[in-house]
PDB file of N, CA and C in Angstrom:
ATOM      1  N   MET A   1      -3.056 -17.367  -5.072  1.00  0.00           N
ATOM      2  CA  MET A   1      -3.166 -15.971  -5.419  1.00  0.00           C
ATOM      3  C   MET A   1      -2.295 -15.667  -6.631  1.00  0.00           C
ATOM      4  N   LYS A   2      -2.914 -15.186  -7.644  1.00  0.00           N
ATOM      5  CA  LYS A   2      -2.200 -14.799  -8.842  1.00  0.00           C
ATOM      6  C   LYS A   2      -1.852 -13.311  -8.729  1.00  0.00           C
ATOM      7  N   LYS A   3      -0.603 -12.965  -9.019  1.00  0.00           N
ATOM      8  CA  LYS A   3      -0.178 -11.574  -8.913  1.00  0.00           C
ATOM      9  C   LYS A   3      -0.987 -10.704  -9.863  1.00  0.00           C
ATOM     10  N   ASN A   4      -1.363  -9.507  -9.389  1.00  0.00           N
ATOM     11  CA  ASN A   4      -2.119  -8.592 -10.226  1.00  0.00           C
ATOM     12  C   ASN A   4      -1.615  -7.150 -10.131  1.00  0.00           C
ATOM     13  N   MET A   5      -0.408  -6.982  -9.586  1.00  0.00           N
ATOM     14  CA  MET A   5       0.158  -5.647  -9.448  1.00  0.00           C
ATOM     15  C   MET A   5       1.488  -5.559 -10.183  1.00  0.00           C
ATOM     16  N   GLY A   6       1.641  -4.499 -10.957  1.00  0.00           N
ATOM     17  CA  GLY A   6       2.878  -4.274 -11.674  1.00  0.00           C
ATOM     18  C   GLY A   6       3.934  -3.631 -10.789  1.00  0.00           C
ATOM     19  N   SER A   7       5.128  -3.463 -11.327  1.00  0.00           N
ATOM     20  CA  SER A   7       6.230  -2.911 -10.535  1.00  0.00           C
ATOM     21  C   SER A   7       6.009  -1.449 -10.175  1.00  0.00           C
ATOM     22  N   LEU A   8       5.388  -0.675 -11.058  1.00  0.00           N
ATOM     23  CA  LEU A   8       5.112   0.732 -10.753  1.00  0.00           C
ATOM     24  C   LEU A   8       4.127   0.831  -9.594  1.00  0.00           C
ATOM     25  N   ASP A   9       3.084   0.015  -9.613  1.00  0.00           N
ATOM     26  CA  ASP A   9       2.125  -0.038  -8.510  1.00  0.00           C
ATOM     27  C   ASP A   9       2.810  -0.359  -7.190  1.00  0.00           C
ATOM     28  N   THR A  10       3.669  -1.340  -7.240  1.00  0.00           N
ATOM     29  CA  THR A  10       4.379  -1.770  -6.041  1.00  0.00           C
ATOM     30  C   THR A  10       5.241  -0.644  -5.482  1.00  0.00           C
ATOM     31  N   MET A  11       5.985   0.027  -6.348  1.00  0.00           N
ATOM     32  CA  MET A  11       6.845   1.117  -5.894  1.00  0.00           C
ATOM     33  C   MET A  11       6.035   2.272  -5.313  1.00  0.00           C
ATOM     34  N   ILE A  12       4.936   2.612  -5.964  1.00  0.00           N
ATOM     35  CA  ILE A  12       4.094   3.708  -5.471  1.00  0.00           C
ATOM     36  C   ILE A  12       3.542   3.375  -4.097  1.00  0.00           C
ATOM     37  N   ARG A  13       3.070   2.153  -3.912  1.00  0.00           N
ATOM     38  CA  ARG A  13       2.521   1.755  -2.609  1.00  0.00           C
ATOM     39  C   ARG A  13       3.579   1.799  -1.509  1.00  0.00           C
ATOM     40  N   ILE A  14       4.776   1.342  -1.809  1.00  0.00           N
ATOM     41  CA  ILE A  14       5.815   1.331  -0.795  1.00  0.00           C
ATOM     42  C   ILE A  14       6.280   2.750  -0.467  1.00  0.00           C
ATOM     43  N   VAL A  15       6.371   3.614  -1.470  1.00  0.00           N
ATOM     44  CA  VAL A  15       6.746   5.009  -1.224  1.00  0.00           C
ATOM     45  C   VAL A  15       5.687   5.703  -0.372  1.00  0.00           C
ATOM     46  N   ILE A  16       4.417   5.478  -0.679  1.00  0.00           N
ATOM     47  CA  ILE A  16       3.338   6.065   0.124  1.00  0.00           C
ATOM     48  C   ILE A  16       3.405   5.559   1.561  1.00  0.00           C
ATOM     49  N   ALA A  17       3.676   4.271   1.732  1.00  0.00           N
ATOM     50  CA  ALA A  17       3.781   3.694   3.078  1.00  0.00           C
ATOM     51  C   ALA A  17       4.948   4.317   3.847  1.00  0.00           C
ATOM     52  N   ILE A  18       6.067   4.548   3.173  1.00  0.00           N
ATOM     53  CA  ILE A  18       7.218   5.177   3.826  1.00  0.00           C
ATOM     54  C   ILE A  18       6.883   6.605   4.238  1.00  0.00           C
ATOM     55  N   ILE A  19       6.193   7.328   3.371  1.00  0.00           N
ATOM     56  CA  ILE A  19       5.805   8.704   3.701  1.00  0.00           C
ATOM     57  C   ILE A  19       4.859   8.727   4.895  1.00  0.00           C
ATOM     58  N   ILE A  20       3.877   7.830   4.904  1.00  0.00           N
ATOM     59  CA  ILE A  20       2.942   7.764   6.032  1.00  0.00           C
ATOM     60  C   ILE A  20       3.684   7.404   7.313  1.00  0.00           C
ATOM     61  N   GLY A  21       4.610   6.455   7.226  1.00  0.00           N
ATOM     62  CA  GLY A  21       5.403   6.086   8.405  1.00  0.00           C
ATOM     63  C   GLY A  21       6.224   7.259   8.918  1.00  0.00           C
ATOM     64  N   ALA A  22       6.821   8.013   8.017  1.00  0.00           N
ATOM     65  CA  ALA A  22       7.608   9.181   8.422  1.00  0.00           C
ATOM     66  C   ALA A  22       6.720  10.233   9.092  1.00  0.00           C
ATOM     67  N   LEU A  23       5.540  10.454   8.526  1.00  0.00           N
ATOM     68  CA  LEU A  23       4.612  11.415   9.132  1.00  0.00           C
ATOM     69  C   LEU A  23       4.169  10.960  10.517  1.00  0.00           C
ATOM     70  N   TYR A  24       3.977   9.667  10.672  1.00  0.00           N
ATOM     71  CA  TYR A  24       3.563   9.134  11.967  1.00  0.00           C
ATOM     72  C   TYR A  24       4.675   9.255  13.011  1.00  0.00           C
ATOM     73  N   PHE A  25       5.877   8.856  12.638  1.00  0.00           N
ATOM     74  CA  PHE A  25       6.961   8.849  13.612  1.00  0.00           C
ATOM     75  C   PHE A  25       7.511  10.238  13.926  1.00  0.00           C
ATOM     76  N   THR A  26       7.237  11.220  13.079  1.00  0.00           N
ATOM     77  CA  THR A  26       7.610  12.603  13.398  1.00  0.00           C
ATOM     78  C   THR A  26       6.450  13.344  14.045  1.00  0.00           C
ATOM     79  N   THR A  27       5.395  12.634  14.377  1.00  0.00           N
ATOM     80  CA  THR A  27       4.159  13.139  14.990  1.00  0.00           C
ATOM     81  C   THR A  27       3.520  14.288  14.208  1.00  0.00           C
ATOM     82  N   THR A  28       3.694  14.261  12.897  1.00  0.00           N
ATOM     83  CA  THR A  28       2.998  15.224  12.057  1.00  0.00           C
ATOM     84  C   THR A  28       1.517  14.882  12.008  1.00  0.00           C
ATOM     85  N   ILE A  29       1.213  13.595  11.995  1.00  0.00           N
ATOM     86  CA  ILE A  29      -0.175  13.151  12.111  1.00  0.00           C
ATOM     87  C   ILE A  29      -0.303  12.410  13.431  1.00  0.00           C
ATOM     88  N   THR A  30      -1.407  12.653  14.112  1.00  0.00           N
ATOM     89  CA  THR A  30      -1.623  12.031  15.421  1.00  0.00           C
ATOM     90  C   THR A  30      -3.077  11.602  15.546  1.00  0.00           C
ATOM     91  N   GLY A  31      -3.342  10.888  16.599  1.00  0.00           N
ATOM     92  CA  GLY A  31      -4.710  10.498  16.916  1.00  0.00           C
ATOM     93  C   GLY A  31      -5.241   9.400  16.016  1.00  0.00           C
ATOM     94  N   THR A  32      -6.546   9.452  15.820  1.00  0.00           N
ATOM     95  CA  THR A  32      -7.237   8.435  15.035  1.00  0.00           C
ATOM     96  C   THR A  32      -6.760   8.433  13.583  1.00  0.00           C
ATOM     97  N   LEU A  33      -6.543   9.612  13.031  1.00  0.00           N
ATOM     98  CA  LEU A  33      -6.052   9.709  11.652  1.00  0.00           C
ATOM     99  C   LEU A  33      -4.715   8.986  11.506  1.00  0.00           C
ATOM    100  N   ALA A  34      -3.849   9.135  12.478  1.00  0.00           N
ATOM    101  CA  ALA A  34      -2.539   8.495  12.434  1.00  0.00           C
ATOM    102  C   ALA A  34      -2.670   6.977  12.461  1.00  0.00           C
ATOM    103  N   ILE A  35      -3.557   6.465  13.287  1.00  0.00           N
ATOM    104  CA  ILE A  35      -3.742   5.020  13.392  1.00  0.00           C
ATOM    105  C   ILE A  35      -4.312   4.461  12.098  1.00  0.00           C
ATOM    106  N   ILE A  36      -5.300   5.142  11.542  1.00  0.00           N
ATOM    107  CA  ILE A  36      -5.890   4.693  10.276  1.00  0.00           C
ATOM    108  C   ILE A  36      -4.848   4.730   9.162  1.00  0.00           C
ATOM    109  N   ALA A  37      -4.076   5.816   9.106  1.00  0.00           N
ATOM    110  CA  ALA A  37      -3.042   5.945   8.075  1.00  0.00           C
ATOM    111  C   ALA A  37      -1.980   4.861   8.232  1.00  0.00           C
ATOM    112  N   LEU A  38      -1.616   4.542   9.462  1.00  0.00           N
ATOM    113  CA  LEU A  38      -0.614   3.508   9.709  1.00  0.00           C
ATOM    114  C   LEU A  38      -1.129   2.131   9.275  1.00  0.00           C
ATOM    115  N   VAL A  39      -2.392   1.848   9.514  1.00  0.00           N
ATOM    116  CA  VAL A  39      -2.982   0.583   9.077  1.00  0.00           C
ATOM    117  C   VAL A  39      -2.961   0.503   7.546  1.00  0.00           C
ATOM    118  N   ILE A  40      -3.307   1.607   6.894  1.00  0.00           N
ATOM    119  CA  ILE A  40      -3.269   1.645   5.431  1.00  0.00           C
ATOM    120  C   ILE A  40      -1.841   1.433   4.934  1.00  0.00           C
ATOM    121  N   ALA A  41      -0.871   2.045   5.602  1.00  0.00           N
ATOM    122  CA  ALA A  41       0.529   1.884   5.206  1.00  0.00           C
ATOM    123  C   ALA A  41       0.972   0.428   5.324  1.00  0.00           C
ATOM    124  N   VAL A  42       0.566  -0.235   6.386  1.00  0.00           N
ATOM    125  CA  VAL A  42       0.917  -1.646   6.569  1.00  0.00           C
ATOM    126  C   VAL A  42       0.288  -2.495   5.461  1.00  0.00           C
ATOM    127  N   ILE A  43      -0.967  -2.208   5.134  1.00  0.00           N
ATOM    128  CA  ILE A  43      -1.636  -2.940   4.051  1.00  0.00           C
ATOM    129  C   ILE A  43      -0.917  -2.706   2.730  1.00  0.00           C
ATOM    130  N   PHE A  44      -0.506  -1.448   2.476  1.00  0.00           N
ATOM    131  CA  PHE A  44       0.228  -1.136   1.246  1.00  0.00           C
ATOM    132  C   PHE A  44       1.541  -1.908   1.173  1.00  0.00           C
ATOM    133  N   VAL A  45       2.250  -2.005   2.277  1.00  0.00           N
ATOM    134  CA  VAL A  45       3.526  -2.724   2.282  1.00  0.00           C
ATOM    135  C   VAL A  45       3.298  -4.218   2.020  1.00  0.00           C
ATOM    136  N   ILE A  46       2.321  -4.783   2.692  1.00  0.00           N
ATOM    137  CA  ILE A  46       2.042  -6.216   2.513  1.00  0.00           C
ATOM    138  C   ILE A  46       1.638  -6.515   1.077  1.00  0.00           C
ATOM    139  N   THR A  47       0.686  -5.745   0.544  1.00  0.00           N
ATOM    140  CA  THR A  47       0.243  -6.001  -0.826  1.00  0.00           C
ATOM    141  C   THR A  47       1.349  -5.696  -1.829  1.00  0.00           C
ATOM    142  N   GLY A  48       2.192  -4.727  -1.510  1.00  0.00           N
ATOM    143  CA  GLY A  48       3.306  -4.409  -2.397  1.00  0.00           C
ATOM    144  C   GLY A  48       4.315  -5.537  -2.480  1.00  0.00           C
ATOM    145  N   PHE A  49       4.617  -6.141  -1.345  1.00  0.00           N
ATOM    146  CA  PHE A  49       5.605  -7.217  -1.339  1.00  0.00           C
ATOM    147  C   PHE A  49       5.084  -8.522  -1.927  1.00  0.00           C
ATOM    148  N   ILE A  50       3.798  -8.814  -1.739  1.00  0.00           N
ATOM    149  CA  ILE A  50       3.286 -10.068  -2.305  1.00  0.00           C
ATOM    150  C   ILE A  50       2.801  -9.893  -3.739  1.00  0.00           C
ATOM    151  N   GLY A  51       2.588  -8.645  -4.167  1.00  0.00           N
ATOM    152  CA  GLY A  51       2.192  -8.388  -5.550  1.00  0.00           C
ATOM    153  C   GLY A  51       0.742  -8.693  -5.861  1.00  0.00           C
ATOM    154  N   PHE A  52      -0.071  -8.804  -4.825  1.00  0.00           N
ATOM    155  CA  PHE A  52      -1.484  -9.116  -5.015  1.00  0.00           C
ATOM    156  C   PHE A  52      -2.333  -8.140  -4.219  1.00  0.00           C
ATOM    157  N   CYS A  53      -3.302  -7.523  -4.885  1.00  0.00           N
ATOM    158  CA  CYS A  53      -4.221  -6.616  -4.218  1.00  0.00           C
ATOM    159  C   CYS A  53      -5.627  -7.201  -4.308  1.00  0.00           C
ATOM    160  N   PRO A  54      -6.251  -7.533  -3.175  1.00  0.00           N
ATOM    161  CA  PRO A  54      -7.592  -8.105  -3.198  1.00  0.00           C
ATOM    162  C   PRO A  54      -8.622  -7.164  -3.828  1.00  0.00           C
ATOM    163  N   LEU A  55      -8.461  -5.867  -3.630  1.00  0.00           N
ATOM    164  CA  LEU A  55      -9.392  -4.905  -4.214  1.00  0.00           C
ATOM    165  C   LEU A  55      -9.292  -4.916  -5.739  1.00  0.00           C
ATOM    166  N   TYR A  56      -8.076  -5.035  -6.258  1.00  0.00           N
ATOM    167  CA  TYR A  56      -7.885  -5.147  -7.702  1.00  0.00           C
ATOM    168  C   TYR A  56      -8.580  -6.396  -8.226  1.00  0.00           C
ATOM    169  N   ALA A  57      -8.449  -7.498  -7.516  1.00  0.00           N
ATOM    170  CA  ALA A  57      -9.082  -8.749  -7.936  1.00  0.00           C
ATOM    171  C   ALA A  57     -10.601  -8.596  -7.947  1.00  0.00           C
ATOM    172  N   LEU A  58     -11.135  -7.923  -6.945  1.00  0.00           N
ATOM    173  CA  LEU A  58     -12.570  -7.712  -6.853  1.00  0.00           C
ATOM    174  C   LEU A  58     -13.085  -6.852  -8.001  1.00  0.00           C
ATOM    175  N   LEU A  59     -12.297  -5.844  -8.374  1.00  0.00           N
ATOM    176  CA  LEU A  59     -12.701  -4.931  -9.448  1.00  0.00           C
ATOM    177  C   LEU A  59     -12.244  -5.379 -10.829  1.00  0.00           C
ATOM    178  N   GLY A  60     -11.480  -6.454 -10.906  1.00  0.00           N
ATOM    179  CA  GLY A  60     -11.011  -6.982 -12.186  1.00  0.00           C
ATOM    180  C   GLY A  60      -9.873  -6.173 -12.789  1.00  0.00           C
ATOM    181  N   ILE A  61      -9.080  -5.519 -11.950  1.00  0.00           N
ATOM    182  CA  ILE A  61      -7.956  -4.711 -12.417  1.00  0.00           C
ATOM    183  C   ILE A  61      -6.692  -5.545 -12.350  1.00  0.00           C
ATOM    184  N   ASN A  62      -5.857  -5.414 -13.389  1.00  0.00           N
ATOM    185  CA  ASN A  62      -4.583  -6.116 -13.416  1.00  0.00           C
ATOM    186  C   ASN A  62      -3.559  -5.181 -14.052  1.00  0.00           C
ATOM    187  N   THR A  63      -2.596  -4.715 -13.262  1.00  0.00           N
ATOM    188  CA  THR A  63      -1.577  -3.806 -13.777  1.00  0.00           C
ATOM    189  C   THR A  63      -0.261  -4.528 -14.066  1.00  0.00           C
ATOM    190  N   LEU A  64      -0.265  -5.823 -13.911  1.00  0.00           N
ATOM    191  CA  LEU A  64       0.930  -6.619 -14.150  1.00  0.00           C
ATOM    192  C   LEU A  64       1.113  -6.807 -15.653  1.00  0.00           C
ATOM    193  N   LYS A  65       2.269  -6.382 -16.162  1.00  0.00           N
ATOM    194  CA  LYS A  65       2.550  -6.542 -17.594  1.00  0.00           C
ATOM    195  C   LYS A  65       3.033  -7.963 -17.835  1.00  0.00           C
ATOM    196  N   LYS A  66       2.622  -8.520 -18.936  1.00  0.00           N
ATOM    197  CA  LYS A  66       2.975  -9.905 -19.245  1.00  0.00           C
ATOM    198  C   LYS A  66       4.180  -9.965 -20.134  1.00  0.00           C
TER     199      LYS A  66
END
């Protein structure tokens, strides 16, 4: 896997994941929406830490500066 995410992308994804986690744990979001949002947050954290987004690869997007 070749990295295709820049540092700004990574930070944005992790911040969004933290916000979703906070909303979930304070029960601001509940039910099915909460579960879906939590799954998205986990995906954002994983892709943020490894620096590779499969959707970016599929669409030919690369935000990593050389």
